[in-house]
Amino acid sequence: MQKVTDSAARARRLLERENAPLPPACERLLAAELARVLGAYFELSAPPQVAIERGKTLRITVRAQAERAKPFGVLG
């Protein structure tokens, strides 16, 4: 679960540094990072899509499609 937390922190820093909505290169980087993280848990059938809208706050929408969740064994 630490990887997910680290990825979220990196994404937050990216958004804070840039005046979002992000430039296309940053959106591609964010989508690639999300694909890596989600790919650890799901068998993705397409790359994730990221949309960022600016209002009073940022609205970040992530859409991803997966064939199935990856097996994790027995959870305690």
PDB file of N, CA and C in Angstrom:
ATOM      1  N   MET A   1       0.814  -1.179   0.000  1.00  0.00           N
ATOM      2  CA  MET A   1       0.000   0.000   0.000  1.00  0.00           C
ATOM      3  C   MET A   1       0.869   1.258   0.000  1.00  0.00           C
ATOM      4  N   GLN A   2       2.125   1.118   0.406  1.00  0.00           N
ATOM      5  CA  GLN A   2       3.042   2.258   0.454  1.00  0.00           C
ATOM      6  C   GLN A   2       3.250   2.854  -0.935  1.00  0.00           C
ATOM      7  N   LYS A   3       3.297   1.996  -1.978  1.00  0.00           N
ATOM      8  CA  LYS A   3       3.500   2.495  -3.338  1.00  0.00           C
ATOM      9  C   LYS A   3       2.356   3.414  -3.751  1.00  0.00           C
ATOM     10  N   VAL A   4       1.136   3.054  -3.382  1.00  0.00           N
ATOM     11  CA  VAL A   4      -0.022   3.884  -3.720  1.00  0.00           C
ATOM     12  C   VAL A   4       0.097   5.239  -3.020  1.00  0.00           C
ATOM     13  N   THR A   5       0.487   5.235  -1.749  1.00  0.00           N
ATOM     14  CA  THR A   5       0.648   6.476  -0.994  1.00  0.00           C
ATOM     15  C   THR A   5       1.752   7.333  -1.596  1.00  0.00           C
ATOM     16  N   ASP A   6       2.877   6.705  -1.960  1.00  0.00           N
ATOM     17  CA  ASP A   6       3.981   7.438  -2.586  1.00  0.00           C
ATOM     18  C   ASP A   6       3.547   8.035  -3.916  1.00  0.00           C
ATOM     19  N   SER A   7       2.811   7.284  -4.696  1.00  0.00           N
ATOM     20  CA  SER A   7       2.340   7.767  -5.994  1.00  0.00           C
ATOM     21  C   SER A   7       1.377   8.928  -5.823  1.00  0.00           C
ATOM     22  N   ALA A   8       0.500   8.841  -4.851  1.00  0.00           N
ATOM     23  CA  ALA A   8      -0.434   9.933  -4.590  1.00  0.00           C
ATOM     24  C   ALA A   8       0.312  11.182  -4.163  1.00  0.00           C
ATOM     25  N   ALA A   9       1.331  11.034  -3.340  1.00  0.00           N
ATOM     26  CA  ALA A   9       2.117  12.186  -2.897  1.00  0.00           C
ATOM     27  C   ALA A   9       2.855  12.820  -4.072  1.00  0.00           C
ATOM     28  N   ARG A  10       3.413  11.992  -4.950  1.00  0.00           N
ATOM     29  CA  ARG A  10       4.098  12.528  -6.137  1.00  0.00           C
ATOM     30  C   ARG A  10       3.120  13.263  -7.045  1.00  0.00           C
ATOM     31  N   ALA A  11       1.949  12.686  -7.245  1.00  0.00           N
ATOM     32  CA  ALA A  11       0.937  13.334  -8.081  1.00  0.00           C
ATOM     33  C   ALA A  11       0.508  14.664  -7.470  1.00  0.00           C
ATOM     34  N   ARG A  12       0.336  14.707  -6.159  1.00  0.00           N
ATOM     35  CA  ARG A  12      -0.054  15.948  -5.489  1.00  0.00           C
ATOM     36  C   ARG A  12       1.025  17.017  -5.671  1.00  0.00           C
ATOM     37  N   ARG A  13       2.296  16.626  -5.536  1.00  0.00           N
ATOM     38  CA  ARG A  13       3.385  17.595  -5.729  1.00  0.00           C
ATOM     39  C   ARG A  13       3.402  18.119  -7.159  1.00  0.00           C
ATOM     40  N   LEU A  14       3.166  17.233  -8.126  1.00  0.00           N
ATOM     41  CA  LEU A  14       3.102  17.673  -9.521  1.00  0.00           C
ATOM     42  C   LEU A  14       2.013  18.724  -9.712  1.00  0.00           C
ATOM     43  N   LEU A  15       0.842  18.462  -9.154  1.00  0.00           N
ATOM     44  CA  LEU A  15      -0.270  19.393  -9.304  1.00  0.00           C
ATOM     45  C   LEU A  15      -0.010  20.716  -8.592  1.00  0.00           C
ATOM     46  N   GLU A  16       0.617  20.666  -7.431  1.00  0.00           N
ATOM     47  CA  GLU A  16       0.906  21.894  -6.699  1.00  0.00           C
ATOM     48  C   GLU A  16       1.953  22.739  -7.409  1.00  0.00           C
ATOM     49  N   ARG A  17       2.928  22.090  -8.031  1.00  0.00           N
ATOM     50  CA  ARG A  17       3.997  22.809  -8.715  1.00  0.00           C
ATOM     51  C   ARG A  17       3.510  23.506  -9.971  1.00  0.00           C
ATOM     52  N   GLU A  18       2.674  22.856 -10.686  1.00  0.00           N
ATOM     53  CA  GLU A  18       2.151  23.405 -11.933  1.00  0.00           C
ATOM     54  C   GLU A  18       0.867  24.156 -11.639  1.00  0.00           C
ATOM     55  N   ASN A  19       0.554  25.105 -12.465  1.00  0.00           N
ATOM     56  CA  ASN A  19      -0.732  25.780 -12.349  1.00  0.00           C
ATOM     57  C   ASN A  19      -1.705  25.000 -13.226  1.00  0.00           C
ATOM     58  N   ALA A  20      -2.352  24.003 -12.629  1.00  0.00           N
ATOM     59  CA  ALA A  20      -3.214  23.088 -13.373  1.00  0.00           C
ATOM     60  C   ALA A  20      -4.357  23.849 -14.011  1.00  0.00           C
ATOM     61  N   PRO A  21      -4.956  23.389 -15.074  1.00  0.00           N
ATOM     62  CA  PRO A  21      -4.733  22.062 -15.626  1.00  0.00           C
ATOM     63  C   PRO A  21      -3.307  21.884 -16.145  1.00  0.00           C
ATOM     64  N   LEU A  22      -2.873  20.665 -16.057  1.00  0.00           N
ATOM     65  CA  LEU A  22      -1.496  20.335 -16.387  1.00  0.00           C
ATOM     66  C   LEU A  22      -1.232  20.450 -17.878  1.00  0.00           C
ATOM     67  N   PRO A  23       0.004  20.772 -18.237  1.00  0.00           N
ATOM     68  CA  PRO A  23       0.395  20.690 -19.649  1.00  0.00           C
ATOM     69  C   PRO A  23       0.287  19.238 -20.111  1.00  0.00           C
ATOM     70  N   PRO A  24       0.110  19.023 -21.394  1.00  0.00           N
ATOM     71  CA  PRO A  24      -0.060  17.654 -21.909  1.00  0.00           C
ATOM     72  C   PRO A  24       1.046  16.687 -21.486  1.00  0.00           C
ATOM     73  N   ALA A  25       2.293  17.147 -21.455  1.00  0.00           N
ATOM     74  CA  ALA A  25       3.392  16.249 -21.071  1.00  0.00           C
ATOM     75  C   ALA A  25       3.224  15.777 -19.629  1.00  0.00           C
ATOM     76  N   CYS A  26       2.765  16.655 -18.746  1.00  0.00           N
ATOM     77  CA  CYS A  26       2.556  16.268 -17.350  1.00  0.00           C
ATOM     78  C   CYS A  26       1.362  15.327 -17.219  1.00  0.00           C
ATOM     79  N   GLU A  27       0.324  15.566 -18.001  1.00  0.00           N
ATOM     80  CA  GLU A  27      -0.826  14.652 -17.968  1.00  0.00           C
ATOM     81  C   GLU A  27      -0.412  13.263 -18.429  1.00  0.00           C
ATOM     82  N   ARG A  28       0.445  13.188 -19.444  1.00  0.00           N
ATOM     83  CA  ARG A  28       0.927  11.879 -19.913  1.00  0.00           C
ATOM     84  C   ARG A  28       1.757  11.205 -18.827  1.00  0.00           C
ATOM     85  N   LEU A  29       2.582  11.959 -18.134  1.00  0.00           N
ATOM     86  CA  LEU A  29       3.390  11.412 -17.049  1.00  0.00           C
ATOM     87  C   LEU A  29       2.493  10.894 -15.929  1.00  0.00           C
ATOM     88  N   LEU A  30       1.479  11.665 -15.571  1.00  0.00           N
ATOM     89  CA  LEU A  30       0.540  11.252 -14.534  1.00  0.00           C
ATOM     90  C   LEU A  30      -0.203   9.981 -14.957  1.00  0.00           C
ATOM     91  N   ALA A  31      -0.652   9.929 -16.216  1.00  0.00           N
ATOM     92  CA  ALA A  31      -1.360   8.746 -16.709  1.00  0.00           C
ATOM     93  C   ALA A  31      -0.444   7.518 -16.690  1.00  0.00           C
ATOM     94  N   ALA A  32       0.825   7.699 -17.037  1.00  0.00           N
ATOM     95  CA  ALA A  32       1.775   6.576 -17.016  1.00  0.00           C
ATOM     96  C   ALA A  32       1.987   6.081 -15.586  1.00  0.00           C
ATOM     97  N   GLU A  33       2.080   7.011 -14.633  1.00  0.00           N
ATOM     98  CA  GLU A  33       2.256   6.628 -13.232  1.00  0.00           C
ATOM     99  C   GLU A  33       1.016   5.896 -12.720  1.00  0.00           C
ATOM    100  N   LEU A  34      -0.162   6.396 -13.084  1.00  0.00           N
ATOM    101  CA  LEU A  34      -1.400   5.723 -12.682  1.00  0.00           C
ATOM    102  C   LEU A  34      -1.494   4.333 -13.303  1.00  0.00           C
ATOM    103  N   ALA A  35      -1.062   4.193 -14.548  1.00  0.00           N
ATOM    104  CA  ALA A  35      -1.070   2.882 -15.197  1.00  0.00           C
ATOM    105  C   ALA A  35      -0.165   1.910 -14.452  1.00  0.00           C
ATOM    106  N   ARG A  36       0.987   2.392 -14.000  1.00  0.00           N
ATOM    107  CA  ARG A  36       1.917   1.537 -13.254  1.00  0.00           C
ATOM    108  C   ARG A  36       1.289   1.097 -11.933  1.00  0.00           C
ATOM    109  N   VAL A  37       0.697   2.035 -11.210  1.00  0.00           N
ATOM    110  CA  VAL A  37       0.109   1.713  -9.911  1.00  0.00           C
ATOM    111  C   VAL A  37      -1.120   0.822 -10.083  1.00  0.00           C
ATOM    112  N   LEU A  38      -2.038   1.206 -10.961  1.00  0.00           N
ATOM    113  CA  LEU A  38      -3.244   0.394 -11.165  1.00  0.00           C
ATOM    114  C   LEU A  38      -2.899  -0.969 -11.740  1.00  0.00           C
ATOM    115  N   GLY A  39      -1.865  -1.019 -12.582  1.00  0.00           N
ATOM    116  CA  GLY A  39      -1.442  -2.278 -13.172  1.00  0.00           C
ATOM    117  C   GLY A  39      -0.925  -3.273 -12.146  1.00  0.00           C
ATOM    118  N   ALA A  40      -0.527  -2.795 -10.984  1.00  0.00           N
ATOM    119  CA  ALA A  40      -0.092  -3.698  -9.921  1.00  0.00           C
ATOM    120  C   ALA A  40      -1.280  -4.435  -9.305  1.00  0.00           C
ATOM    121  N   TYR A  41      -2.468  -3.869  -9.451  1.00  0.00           N
ATOM    122  CA  TYR A  41      -3.661  -4.432  -8.828  1.00  0.00           C
ATOM    123  C   TYR A  41      -4.669  -5.006  -9.830  1.00  0.00           C
ATOM    124  N   PHE A  42      -4.619  -4.524 -11.067  1.00  0.00           N
ATOM    125  CA  PHE A  42      -5.601  -4.933 -12.075  1.00  0.00           C
ATOM    126  C   PHE A  42      -4.905  -5.251 -13.384  1.00  0.00           C
ATOM    127  N   GLU A  43      -5.537  -6.112 -14.183  1.00  0.00           N
ATOM    128  CA  GLU A  43      -5.083  -6.365 -15.544  1.00  0.00           C
ATOM    129  C   GLU A  43      -5.804  -5.353 -16.431  1.00  0.00           C
ATOM    130  N   LEU A  44      -5.130  -4.249 -16.717  1.00  0.00           N
ATOM    131  CA  LEU A  44      -5.741  -3.161 -17.470  1.00  0.00           C
ATOM    132  C   LEU A  44      -5.935  -3.555 -18.927  1.00  0.00           C
ATOM    133  N   SER A  45      -7.085  -3.176 -19.482  1.00  0.00           N
ATOM    134  CA  SER A  45      -7.351  -3.451 -20.891  1.00  0.00           C
ATOM    135  C   SER A  45      -7.088  -2.230 -21.762  1.00  0.00           C
ATOM    136  N   ALA A  46      -6.844  -1.085 -21.139  1.00  0.00           N
ATOM    137  CA  ALA A  46      -6.521   0.157 -21.846  1.00  0.00           C
ATOM    138  C   ALA A  46      -5.782   1.065 -20.872  1.00  0.00           C
ATOM    139  N   PRO A  47      -4.999   1.989 -21.389  1.00  0.00           N
ATOM    140  CA  PRO A  47      -4.323   2.930 -20.484  1.00  0.00           C
ATOM    141  C   PRO A  47      -5.346   3.824 -19.774  1.00  0.00           C
ATOM    142  N   PRO A  48      -5.060   4.229 -18.547  1.00  0.00           N
ATOM    143  CA  PRO A  48      -5.969   5.134 -17.848  1.00  0.00           C
ATOM    144  C   PRO A  48      -6.053   6.483 -18.562  1.00  0.00           C
ATOM    145  N   GLN A  49      -7.211   7.108 -18.458  1.00  0.00           N
ATOM    146  CA  GLN A  49      -7.411   8.447 -19.001  1.00  0.00           C
ATOM    147  C   GLN A  49      -7.567   9.402 -17.831  1.00  0.00           C
ATOM    148  N   VAL A  50      -6.907  10.547 -17.916  1.00  0.00           N
ATOM    149  CA  VAL A  50      -6.945  11.538 -16.849  1.00  0.00           C
ATOM    150  C   VAL A  50      -7.520  12.832 -17.408  1.00  0.00           C
ATOM    151  N   ALA A  51      -8.480  13.407 -16.680  1.00  0.00           N
ATOM    152  CA  ALA A  51      -9.030  14.715 -17.034  1.00  0.00           C
ATOM    153  C   ALA A  51      -8.927  15.600 -15.800  1.00  0.00           C
ATOM    154  N   ILE A  52      -8.437  16.827 -15.997  1.00  0.00           N
ATOM    155  CA  ILE A  52      -8.284  17.765 -14.885  1.00  0.00           C
ATOM    156  C   ILE A  52      -9.022  19.046 -15.242  1.00  0.00           C
ATOM    157  N   GLU A  53      -9.948  19.425 -14.371  1.00  0.00           N
ATOM    158  CA  GLU A  53     -10.719  20.656 -14.571  1.00  0.00           C
ATOM    159  C   GLU A  53     -10.414  21.609 -13.426  1.00  0.00           C
ATOM    160  N   ARG A  54     -10.286  22.879 -13.770  1.00  0.00           N
ATOM    161  CA  ARG A  54      -9.984  23.882 -12.749  1.00  0.00           C
ATOM    162  C   ARG A  54     -11.232  24.705 -12.479  1.00  0.00           C
ATOM    163  N   GLY A  55     -11.567  24.826 -11.210  1.00  0.00           N
ATOM    164  CA  GLY A  55     -12.632  25.686 -10.730  1.00  0.00           C
ATOM    165  C   GLY A  55     -12.112  26.289  -9.442  1.00  0.00           C
ATOM    166  N   LYS A  56     -12.950  26.359  -8.419  1.00  0.00           N
ATOM    167  CA  LYS A  56     -12.441  26.768  -7.092  1.00  0.00           C
ATOM    168  C   LYS A  56     -11.402  25.769  -6.609  1.00  0.00           C
ATOM    169  N   THR A  57     -11.630  24.530  -6.962  1.00  0.00           N
ATOM    170  CA  THR A  57     -10.678  23.455  -6.667  1.00  0.00           C
ATOM    171  C   THR A  57     -10.423  22.712  -7.966  1.00  0.00           C
ATOM    172  N   LEU A  58      -9.495  21.784  -7.928  1.00  0.00           N
ATOM    173  CA  LEU A  58      -9.235  20.953  -9.102  1.00  0.00           C
ATOM    174  C   LEU A  58     -10.119  19.721  -9.037  1.00  0.00           C
ATOM    175  N   ARG A  59     -10.737  19.392 -10.158  1.00  0.00           N
ATOM    176  CA  ARG A  59     -11.493  18.147 -10.249  1.00  0.00           C
ATOM    177  C   ARG A  59     -10.677  17.218 -11.148  1.00  0.00           C
ATOM    178  N   ILE A  60     -10.242  16.129 -10.568  1.00  0.00           N
ATOM    179  CA  ILE A  60      -9.406  15.167 -11.285  1.00  0.00           C
ATOM    180  C   ILE A  60     -10.217  13.902 -11.474  1.00  0.00           C
ATOM    181  N   THR A  61     -10.390  13.533 -12.711  1.00  0.00           N
ATOM    182  CA  THR A  61     -11.153  12.334 -13.032  1.00  0.00           C
ATOM    183  C   THR A  61     -10.218  11.326 -13.691  1.00  0.00           C
ATOM    184  N   VAL A  62     -10.214  10.118 -13.154  1.00  0.00           N
ATOM    185  CA  VAL A  62      -9.401   9.038 -13.712  1.00  0.00           C
ATOM    186  C   VAL A  62     -10.350   7.942 -14.161  1.00  0.00           C
ATOM    187  N   ARG A  63     -10.230   7.554 -15.412  1.00  0.00           N
ATOM    188  CA  ARG A  63     -11.031   6.456 -15.944  1.00  0.00           C
ATOM    189  C   ARG A  63     -10.079   5.348 -16.372  1.00  0.00           C
ATOM    190  N   ALA A  64     -10.388   4.144 -15.915  1.00  0.00           N
ATOM    191  CA  ALA A  64      -9.551   2.998 -16.270  1.00  0.00           C
ATOM    192  C   ALA A  64     -10.449   1.790 -16.481  1.00  0.00           C
ATOM    193  N   GLN A  65     -10.054   0.942 -17.408  1.00  0.00           N
ATOM    194  CA  GLN A  65     -10.783  -0.299 -17.664  1.00  0.00           C
ATOM    195  C   GLN A  65      -9.838  -1.466 -17.431  1.00  0.00           C
ATOM    196  N   ALA A  66     -10.368  -2.482 -16.759  1.00  0.00           N
ATOM    197  CA  ALA A  66      -9.563  -3.663 -16.458  1.00  0.00           C
ATOM    198  C   ALA A  66     -10.360  -4.916 -16.793  1.00  0.00           C
ATOM    199  N   GLU A  67      -9.636  -5.935 -17.169  1.00  0.00           N
ATOM    200  CA  GLU A  67     -10.257  -7.235 -17.432  1.00  0.00           C
ATOM    201  C   GLU A  67     -10.627  -7.917 -16.124  1.00  0.00           C
ATOM    202  N   ARG A  68      -9.740  -7.762 -15.116  1.00  0.00           N
ATOM    203  CA  ARG A  68      -9.975  -8.403 -13.820  1.00  0.00           C
ATOM    204  C   ARG A  68      -8.974  -7.860 -12.818  1.00  0.00           C
ATOM    205  N   ALA A  69      -9.270  -8.115 -11.546  1.00  0.00           N
ATOM    206  CA  ALA A  69      -8.324  -7.805 -10.481  1.00  0.00           C
ATOM    207  C   ALA A  69      -7.274  -8.912 -10.444  1.00  0.00           C
ATOM    208  N   LYS A  70      -6.065  -8.569 -10.112  1.00  0.00           N
ATOM    209  CA  LYS A  70      -5.023  -9.574  -9.968  1.00  0.00           C
ATOM    210  C   LYS A  70      -5.198 -10.298  -8.648  1.00  0.00           C
ATOM    211  N   PRO A  71      -4.861 -11.576  -8.598  1.00  0.00           N
ATOM    212  CA  PRO A  71      -5.026 -12.323  -7.350  1.00  0.00           C
ATOM    213  C   PRO A  71      -4.016 -11.834  -6.301  1.00  0.00           C
ATOM    214  N   PHE A  72      -4.501 -11.684  -5.083  1.00  0.00           N
ATOM    215  CA  PHE A  72      -3.642 -11.208  -4.002  1.00  0.00           C
ATOM    216  C   PHE A  72      -3.462 -12.256  -2.918  1.00  0.00           C
ATOM    217  N   GLY A  73      -4.052 -13.409  -3.052  1.00  0.00           N
ATOM    218  CA  GLY A  73      -3.960 -14.415  -2.010  1.00  0.00           C
ATOM    219  C   GLY A  73      -4.984 -14.130  -0.926  1.00  0.00           C
ATOM    220  N   VAL A  74      -4.781 -14.728   0.197  1.00  0.00           N
ATOM    221  CA  VAL A  74      -5.732 -14.593   1.300  1.00  0.00           C
ATOM    222  C   VAL A  74      -5.351 -13.367   2.119  1.00  0.00           C
ATOM    223  N   LEU A  75      -6.328 -12.506   2.357  1.00  0.00           N
ATOM    224  CA  LEU A  75      -6.105 -11.324   3.186  1.00  0.00           C
ATOM    225  C   LEU A  75      -6.488 -11.647   4.609  1.00  0.00           C
ATOM    226  N   GLY A  76      -5.661 -11.218   5.554  1.00  0.00           N
ATOM    227  CA  GLY A  76      -5.886 -11.517   6.965  1.00  0.00           C
ATOM    228  C   GLY A  76      -6.897 -10.654   7.536  1.00  0.00           C
TER     229      GLY A  76
END
